[in-house]
N, C-alpha and C. Protein backbone atom coordinates (compact mmCIF):
# COMPACT_ATOMS: atom_id res chain seq x y z
N UNK A 1 129.90 122.39 136.68
CA UNK A 1 129.18 123.27 135.79
C UNK A 1 129.43 124.71 136.24
N UNK A 2 129.87 125.50 135.34
CA UNK A 2 130.23 126.88 135.66
C UNK A 2 129.08 127.82 135.28
N UNK A 3 128.58 128.57 136.25
CA UNK A 3 127.50 129.53 136.00
C UNK A 3 128.11 130.92 135.88
N UNK A 4 128.03 131.50 134.72
CA UNK A 4 128.56 132.84 134.49
C UNK A 4 127.46 133.69 133.89
N UNK A 5 127.59 135.00 133.96
CA UNK A 5 126.58 135.87 133.38
C UNK A 5 126.41 135.61 131.88
N UNK A 6 125.20 135.89 131.40
CA UNK A 6 124.92 135.74 129.98
C UNK A 6 125.87 136.61 129.16
N UNK A 7 126.46 136.04 128.15
CA UNK A 7 127.46 136.72 127.34
C UNK A 7 127.06 136.62 125.87
N UNK A 8 126.42 137.66 125.36
CA UNK A 8 125.93 137.67 123.98
C UNK A 8 127.05 137.42 122.98
N UNK A 9 128.22 137.99 123.23
CA UNK A 9 129.35 137.79 122.32
C UNK A 9 129.75 136.33 122.22
N UNK A 10 129.75 135.64 123.35
CA UNK A 10 130.10 134.21 123.33
C UNK A 10 129.00 133.37 122.71
N UNK A 11 127.75 133.74 122.92
CA UNK A 11 126.65 133.02 122.26
C UNK A 11 126.85 133.12 120.75
N UNK A 12 127.15 134.33 120.29
CA UNK A 12 127.39 134.54 118.86
C UNK A 12 128.60 133.75 118.39
N UNK A 13 129.69 133.80 119.14
CA UNK A 13 130.90 133.07 118.75
C UNK A 13 130.64 131.57 118.71
N UNK A 14 129.96 131.05 119.72
CA UNK A 14 129.63 129.62 119.72
C UNK A 14 128.75 129.25 118.54
N UNK A 15 127.78 130.11 118.22
CA UNK A 15 126.90 129.84 117.08
C UNK A 15 127.70 129.83 115.77
N UNK A 16 128.64 130.75 115.63
CA UNK A 16 129.48 130.80 114.43
C UNK A 16 130.41 129.59 114.37
N UNK A 17 130.96 129.20 115.55
CA UNK A 17 131.83 128.02 115.61
C UNK A 17 131.07 126.75 115.22
N UNK A 18 129.77 126.75 115.41
CA UNK A 18 128.92 125.64 114.98
C UNK A 18 128.53 125.79 113.51
N UNK A 19 128.11 126.99 113.14
CA UNK A 19 127.58 127.24 111.80
C UNK A 19 128.61 127.00 110.69
N UNK A 20 129.78 127.59 110.83
CA UNK A 20 130.76 127.56 109.73
C UNK A 20 131.18 126.13 109.37
N UNK A 21 131.68 125.34 110.32
CA UNK A 21 132.09 123.99 109.91
C UNK A 21 130.91 123.09 109.56
N UNK A 22 129.78 123.26 110.26
CA UNK A 22 128.63 122.42 109.96
C UNK A 22 128.12 122.68 108.54
N UNK A 23 127.99 123.94 108.18
CA UNK A 23 127.50 124.25 106.83
C UNK A 23 128.48 123.72 105.77
N UNK A 24 129.77 123.93 106.00
CA UNK A 24 130.77 123.47 105.03
C UNK A 24 130.76 121.95 104.90
N UNK A 25 130.76 121.25 106.04
CA UNK A 25 130.75 119.79 106.01
C UNK A 25 129.47 119.29 105.36
N UNK A 26 128.33 119.85 105.75
CA UNK A 26 127.04 119.40 105.20
C UNK A 26 126.97 119.64 103.70
N UNK A 27 127.42 120.80 103.25
CA UNK A 27 127.37 121.12 101.82
C UNK A 27 128.22 120.13 101.03
N UNK A 28 129.45 119.94 101.47
CA UNK A 28 130.35 119.03 100.76
C UNK A 28 129.85 117.59 100.84
N UNK A 29 129.42 117.17 102.01
CA UNK A 29 128.98 115.79 102.23
C UNK A 29 127.73 115.46 101.42
N UNK A 30 126.68 116.29 101.57
CA UNK A 30 125.39 115.98 100.97
C UNK A 30 125.27 116.36 99.49
N UNK A 31 125.91 117.45 99.11
CA UNK A 31 125.70 117.97 97.76
C UNK A 31 126.86 117.73 96.80
N UNK A 32 127.97 117.20 97.29
CA UNK A 32 129.09 116.93 96.41
C UNK A 32 129.60 115.51 96.60
N UNK A 33 130.23 115.24 97.74
CA UNK A 33 130.90 113.97 97.96
C UNK A 33 129.97 112.76 97.82
N UNK A 34 128.80 112.82 98.45
CA UNK A 34 127.87 111.70 98.42
C UNK A 34 126.55 112.05 97.73
N UNK A 35 126.57 113.04 96.87
CA UNK A 35 125.34 113.47 96.19
C UNK A 35 124.68 112.34 95.41
N UNK A 36 125.46 111.56 94.72
CA UNK A 36 124.91 110.46 93.93
C UNK A 36 124.25 109.43 94.84
N UNK A 37 124.88 109.13 95.97
CA UNK A 37 124.31 108.16 96.90
C UNK A 37 122.97 108.66 97.45
N UNK A 38 122.92 109.93 97.84
CA UNK A 38 121.66 110.49 98.33
C UNK A 38 120.60 110.49 97.23
N UNK A 39 120.99 110.75 95.99
CA UNK A 39 120.04 110.67 94.88
C UNK A 39 119.49 109.26 94.75
N UNK A 40 120.35 108.26 94.91
CA UNK A 40 119.92 106.86 94.83
C UNK A 40 118.98 106.50 95.98
N UNK A 41 119.15 107.13 97.13
CA UNK A 41 118.26 106.88 98.26
C UNK A 41 116.86 107.44 98.00
N UNK A 42 116.74 108.39 97.07
CA UNK A 42 115.46 109.02 96.71
C UNK A 42 114.76 109.62 97.92
N UNK A 43 115.54 110.30 98.75
CA UNK A 43 114.97 110.89 99.96
C UNK A 43 114.83 112.40 99.87
N UNK A 44 115.75 113.05 99.16
CA UNK A 44 115.77 114.51 99.11
C UNK A 44 115.17 115.05 97.83
N UNK A 45 114.63 116.22 97.92
CA UNK A 45 114.06 116.90 96.75
C UNK A 45 115.19 117.23 95.78
N UNK A 46 114.90 117.26 94.50
CA UNK A 46 115.96 117.56 93.53
C UNK A 46 116.43 119.01 93.59
N UNK A 47 115.57 119.92 94.01
CA UNK A 47 115.91 121.34 94.08
C UNK A 47 116.07 121.75 95.55
N UNK A 48 117.25 121.46 96.11
CA UNK A 48 117.51 121.78 97.50
C UNK A 48 117.36 123.28 97.75
N UNK A 49 116.86 123.65 98.90
CA UNK A 49 116.69 125.04 99.27
C UNK A 49 117.78 125.38 100.28
N UNK A 50 118.93 125.81 99.76
CA UNK A 50 120.12 126.05 100.56
C UNK A 50 119.86 127.07 101.69
N UNK A 51 119.15 128.17 101.45
CA UNK A 51 118.91 129.11 102.56
C UNK A 51 118.17 128.49 103.74
N UNK A 52 117.28 127.52 103.50
CA UNK A 52 116.60 126.85 104.61
C UNK A 52 117.61 126.02 105.42
N UNK A 53 118.51 125.35 104.72
CA UNK A 53 119.55 124.59 105.41
C UNK A 53 120.42 125.50 106.25
N UNK A 54 120.81 126.63 105.68
CA UNK A 54 121.63 127.61 106.39
C UNK A 54 120.90 128.13 107.62
N UNK A 55 119.62 128.47 107.46
CA UNK A 55 118.82 128.98 108.59
C UNK A 55 118.68 127.91 109.68
N UNK A 56 118.50 126.67 109.28
CA UNK A 56 118.39 125.58 110.23
C UNK A 56 119.68 125.43 111.04
N UNK A 57 120.81 125.45 110.35
CA UNK A 57 122.10 125.30 111.03
C UNK A 57 122.37 126.49 111.94
N UNK A 58 122.02 127.69 111.52
CA UNK A 58 122.21 128.88 112.35
C UNK A 58 121.36 128.77 113.63
N UNK A 59 120.13 128.36 113.48
CA UNK A 59 119.24 128.18 114.63
C UNK A 59 119.82 127.14 115.59
N UNK A 60 120.26 126.02 115.05
CA UNK A 60 120.89 124.98 115.88
C UNK A 60 122.10 125.55 116.61
N UNK A 61 122.90 126.33 115.91
CA UNK A 61 124.11 126.89 116.51
C UNK A 61 123.81 127.78 117.70
N UNK A 62 122.80 128.62 117.58
CA UNK A 62 122.42 129.50 118.70
C UNK A 62 121.92 128.66 119.88
N UNK A 63 121.07 127.70 119.61
CA UNK A 63 120.52 126.87 120.68
C UNK A 63 121.63 126.04 121.34
N UNK A 64 122.48 125.43 120.54
CA UNK A 64 123.59 124.63 121.10
C UNK A 64 124.56 125.52 121.89
N UNK A 65 124.81 126.72 121.41
CA UNK A 65 125.70 127.62 122.13
C UNK A 65 125.12 128.02 123.48
N UNK A 66 123.84 128.35 123.50
CA UNK A 66 123.18 128.67 124.77
C UNK A 66 123.21 127.47 125.72
N UNK A 67 122.96 126.28 125.18
CA UNK A 67 122.97 125.07 125.99
C UNK A 67 124.35 124.77 126.54
N UNK A 68 125.36 124.95 125.71
CA UNK A 68 126.73 124.70 126.17
C UNK A 68 127.05 125.58 127.37
N UNK A 69 126.67 126.84 127.29
CA UNK A 69 126.97 127.78 128.37
C UNK A 69 126.37 127.34 129.70
N UNK A 70 125.24 126.67 129.65
CA UNK A 70 124.55 126.27 130.88
C UNK A 70 124.93 124.88 131.38
N UNK A 71 125.40 124.00 130.48
CA UNK A 71 125.54 122.60 130.84
C UNK A 71 126.96 122.06 130.96
N UNK A 72 127.95 122.79 130.47
CA UNK A 72 129.29 122.21 130.41
C UNK A 72 130.32 123.04 131.16
N UNK A 73 131.30 122.33 131.71
CA UNK A 73 132.40 122.92 132.46
C UNK A 73 133.32 123.66 131.49
N UNK A 74 133.45 124.95 131.68
CA UNK A 74 134.24 125.77 130.76
C UNK A 74 135.73 125.71 131.04
N UNK A 75 136.13 125.12 132.14
CA UNK A 75 137.56 125.09 132.47
C UNK A 75 138.27 123.88 131.86
N UNK A 76 137.54 122.88 131.44
CA UNK A 76 138.14 121.68 130.87
C UNK A 76 137.73 121.60 129.40
N UNK A 77 138.48 122.26 128.57
CA UNK A 77 138.09 122.50 127.18
C UNK A 77 137.91 121.21 126.39
N UNK A 78 138.91 120.36 126.30
CA UNK A 78 138.82 119.17 125.47
C UNK A 78 137.77 118.20 126.00
N UNK A 79 137.80 117.93 127.29
CA UNK A 79 136.84 117.00 127.88
C UNK A 79 135.41 117.50 127.70
N UNK A 80 135.18 118.78 127.95
CA UNK A 80 133.83 119.34 127.80
C UNK A 80 133.41 119.35 126.34
N UNK A 81 134.35 119.66 125.45
CA UNK A 81 134.04 119.66 124.02
C UNK A 81 133.63 118.29 123.54
N UNK A 82 134.30 117.26 124.01
CA UNK A 82 133.95 115.89 123.61
C UNK A 82 132.64 115.44 124.25
N UNK A 83 132.39 115.86 125.49
CA UNK A 83 131.10 115.54 126.11
C UNK A 83 129.96 116.23 125.35
N UNK A 84 130.20 117.50 125.02
CA UNK A 84 129.20 118.22 124.22
C UNK A 84 128.97 117.50 122.89
N UNK A 85 130.05 117.08 122.23
CA UNK A 85 129.93 116.39 120.95
C UNK A 85 129.07 115.13 121.10
N UNK A 86 129.30 114.39 122.17
CA UNK A 86 128.54 113.16 122.39
C UNK A 86 127.06 113.46 122.66
N UNK A 87 126.79 114.40 123.55
CA UNK A 87 125.40 114.69 123.91
C UNK A 87 124.64 115.39 122.78
N UNK A 88 125.22 116.46 122.25
CA UNK A 88 124.53 117.19 121.18
C UNK A 88 124.47 116.35 119.91
N UNK A 89 125.52 115.58 119.67
CA UNK A 89 125.52 114.71 118.49
C UNK A 89 124.43 113.65 118.57
N UNK A 90 124.26 113.05 119.75
CA UNK A 90 123.21 112.05 119.93
C UNK A 90 121.83 112.67 119.75
N UNK A 91 121.63 113.85 120.32
CA UNK A 91 120.36 114.55 120.16
C UNK A 91 120.09 114.86 118.69
N UNK A 92 121.10 115.42 118.02
CA UNK A 92 120.96 115.74 116.60
C UNK A 92 120.67 114.48 115.78
N UNK A 93 121.39 113.41 116.07
CA UNK A 93 121.22 112.14 115.36
C UNK A 93 119.79 111.62 115.51
N UNK A 94 119.23 111.77 116.72
CA UNK A 94 117.86 111.31 116.95
C UNK A 94 116.87 112.09 116.09
N UNK A 95 117.09 113.41 115.94
CA UNK A 95 116.19 114.24 115.14
C UNK A 95 116.42 114.10 113.64
N UNK A 96 117.68 114.06 113.23
CA UNK A 96 117.99 114.15 111.80
C UNK A 96 118.21 112.80 111.14
N UNK A 97 118.37 111.76 111.92
CA UNK A 97 118.60 110.45 111.31
C UNK A 97 117.45 109.50 111.64
N UNK A 98 117.25 109.22 112.91
CA UNK A 98 116.20 108.27 113.27
C UNK A 98 114.81 108.75 112.88
N UNK A 99 114.50 110.00 113.21
CA UNK A 99 113.15 110.51 112.91
C UNK A 99 112.92 110.58 111.40
N UNK A 100 113.92 111.00 110.66
CA UNK A 100 113.78 111.07 109.20
C UNK A 100 113.62 109.67 108.63
N UNK A 101 114.41 108.71 109.09
CA UNK A 101 114.31 107.33 108.61
C UNK A 101 112.94 106.74 108.93
N UNK A 102 112.37 107.15 110.05
CA UNK A 102 111.06 106.63 110.45
C UNK A 102 109.93 107.19 109.61
N UNK A 103 110.09 108.41 109.07
CA UNK A 103 108.96 109.10 108.43
C UNK A 103 109.04 109.23 106.92
N UNK A 104 110.22 109.15 106.35
CA UNK A 104 110.37 109.47 104.93
C UNK A 104 110.59 108.23 104.08
N UNK A 105 110.03 108.30 102.88
CA UNK A 105 110.28 107.25 101.91
C UNK A 105 111.74 107.31 101.49
N UNK A 106 112.37 106.15 101.37
CA UNK A 106 113.74 106.07 100.86
C UNK A 106 113.97 104.64 100.39
N UNK A 107 114.94 104.49 99.52
CA UNK A 107 115.20 103.16 98.97
C UNK A 107 115.92 102.25 99.94
N UNK A 108 116.65 102.80 100.91
CA UNK A 108 117.38 101.98 101.87
C UNK A 108 117.44 102.71 103.22
N UNK A 109 116.64 102.24 104.15
CA UNK A 109 116.65 102.84 105.49
C UNK A 109 118.01 102.60 106.14
N UNK A 110 118.52 101.39 106.05
CA UNK A 110 119.81 101.10 106.68
C UNK A 110 120.94 101.90 106.03
N UNK A 111 120.88 102.08 104.72
CA UNK A 111 121.89 102.89 104.03
C UNK A 111 121.84 104.34 104.47
N UNK A 112 120.63 104.87 104.63
CA UNK A 112 120.48 106.24 105.09
C UNK A 112 121.00 106.39 106.52
N UNK A 113 120.61 105.47 107.40
CA UNK A 113 121.05 105.55 108.79
C UNK A 113 122.57 105.48 108.86
N UNK A 114 123.17 104.62 108.08
CA UNK A 114 124.63 104.49 108.09
C UNK A 114 125.33 105.77 107.63
N UNK A 115 124.91 106.32 106.51
CA UNK A 115 125.60 107.50 105.98
C UNK A 115 125.34 108.74 106.84
N UNK A 116 124.14 108.87 107.38
CA UNK A 116 123.85 110.02 108.25
C UNK A 116 124.51 109.88 109.62
N UNK A 117 124.67 108.66 110.09
CA UNK A 117 125.42 108.45 111.34
C UNK A 117 126.87 108.86 111.15
N UNK A 118 127.45 108.50 110.02
CA UNK A 118 128.83 108.90 109.72
C UNK A 118 128.94 110.42 109.63
N UNK A 119 127.98 111.06 108.96
CA UNK A 119 127.98 112.51 108.84
C UNK A 119 127.89 113.18 110.21
N UNK A 120 126.93 112.76 111.03
CA UNK A 120 126.73 113.37 112.34
C UNK A 120 127.95 113.17 113.24
N UNK A 121 128.56 112.01 113.16
CA UNK A 121 129.78 111.75 113.94
C UNK A 121 130.88 112.72 113.54
N UNK A 122 131.14 112.83 112.25
CA UNK A 122 132.16 113.77 111.77
C UNK A 122 131.82 115.20 112.19
N UNK A 123 130.60 115.61 111.96
CA UNK A 123 130.17 116.97 112.29
C UNK A 123 130.45 117.31 113.74
N UNK A 124 130.05 116.46 114.66
CA UNK A 124 130.19 116.80 116.07
C UNK A 124 131.60 116.58 116.61
N UNK A 125 132.39 115.72 115.99
CA UNK A 125 133.80 115.63 116.36
C UNK A 125 134.53 116.92 116.01
N UNK A 126 134.06 117.62 114.98
CA UNK A 126 134.65 118.90 114.61
C UNK A 126 134.08 120.03 115.48
N UNK A 127 132.76 120.12 115.58
CA UNK A 127 132.17 121.28 116.26
C UNK A 127 132.22 121.20 117.79
N UNK A 128 132.31 120.01 118.36
CA UNK A 128 132.37 119.89 119.82
C UNK A 128 133.55 120.65 120.42
N UNK A 129 134.76 120.35 119.99
CA UNK A 129 135.91 121.10 120.51
C UNK A 129 135.86 122.60 120.17
N UNK A 130 135.33 122.94 119.00
CA UNK A 130 135.23 124.37 118.65
C UNK A 130 134.26 125.10 119.57
N UNK A 131 133.15 124.47 119.91
CA UNK A 131 132.20 125.07 120.83
C UNK A 131 132.86 125.27 122.19
N UNK A 132 133.63 124.27 122.63
CA UNK A 132 134.32 124.38 123.92
C UNK A 132 135.32 125.52 123.90
N UNK A 133 136.01 125.72 122.80
CA UNK A 133 136.94 126.83 122.69
C UNK A 133 136.22 128.17 122.76
N UNK A 134 135.07 128.26 122.13
CA UNK A 134 134.29 129.50 122.16
C UNK A 134 133.87 129.87 123.58
N UNK A 135 133.60 128.87 124.40
CA UNK A 135 133.08 129.11 125.75
C UNK A 135 134.12 128.92 126.85
N UNK A 136 135.37 128.64 126.52
CA UNK A 136 136.38 128.38 127.55
C UNK A 136 136.55 129.59 128.46
N UNK A 137 136.95 129.32 129.68
CA UNK A 137 137.26 130.41 130.59
C UNK A 137 138.50 131.13 130.06
N UNK A 138 138.52 132.40 130.21
CA UNK A 138 139.64 133.21 129.72
C UNK A 138 140.96 132.63 130.23
N UNK A 139 141.91 132.43 129.30
CA UNK A 139 143.24 131.93 129.66
C UNK A 139 143.30 130.44 129.91
N UNK A 140 142.21 129.70 129.64
CA UNK A 140 142.17 128.27 129.92
C UNK A 140 142.27 127.46 128.64
N UNK A 141 143.17 126.51 128.64
CA UNK A 141 143.26 125.55 127.53
C UNK A 141 143.44 124.15 128.11
N UNK A 142 142.99 123.89 129.33
CA UNK A 142 143.23 122.59 129.96
C UNK A 142 142.36 121.51 129.35
N UNK A 143 142.80 120.31 129.54
CA UNK A 143 142.12 119.14 129.01
C UNK A 143 141.02 118.74 129.97
């Protein structure tokens, strides 16, 4: 674990590296590609509040970026990115899939868990390596 001084620019970069792909993947996944399936699950409101989703993802990005800086080895980009993807993805999955399935009415709990697990897996396979790149040690691209 590499301890370096707080770097506001990297916190911002990490948050953006999380925000941009997450928002794009979530928008396409939930509101276009699988919109009909989510409608059939009867879990989401018909009038989605996109700015709340954006604010949520931005907040997650800042927190995950700060956490990455403290918890992961910055010299091993790919390995750290995949470890981050596994840990942050599991945490996110617990909050956004299991907790939602436990509390919300839906037509198929197993269907929701399956589709959200697929979404979270894709999301973190993309953002994990990007977060690692944002926080890598200068001049480092090692595995």
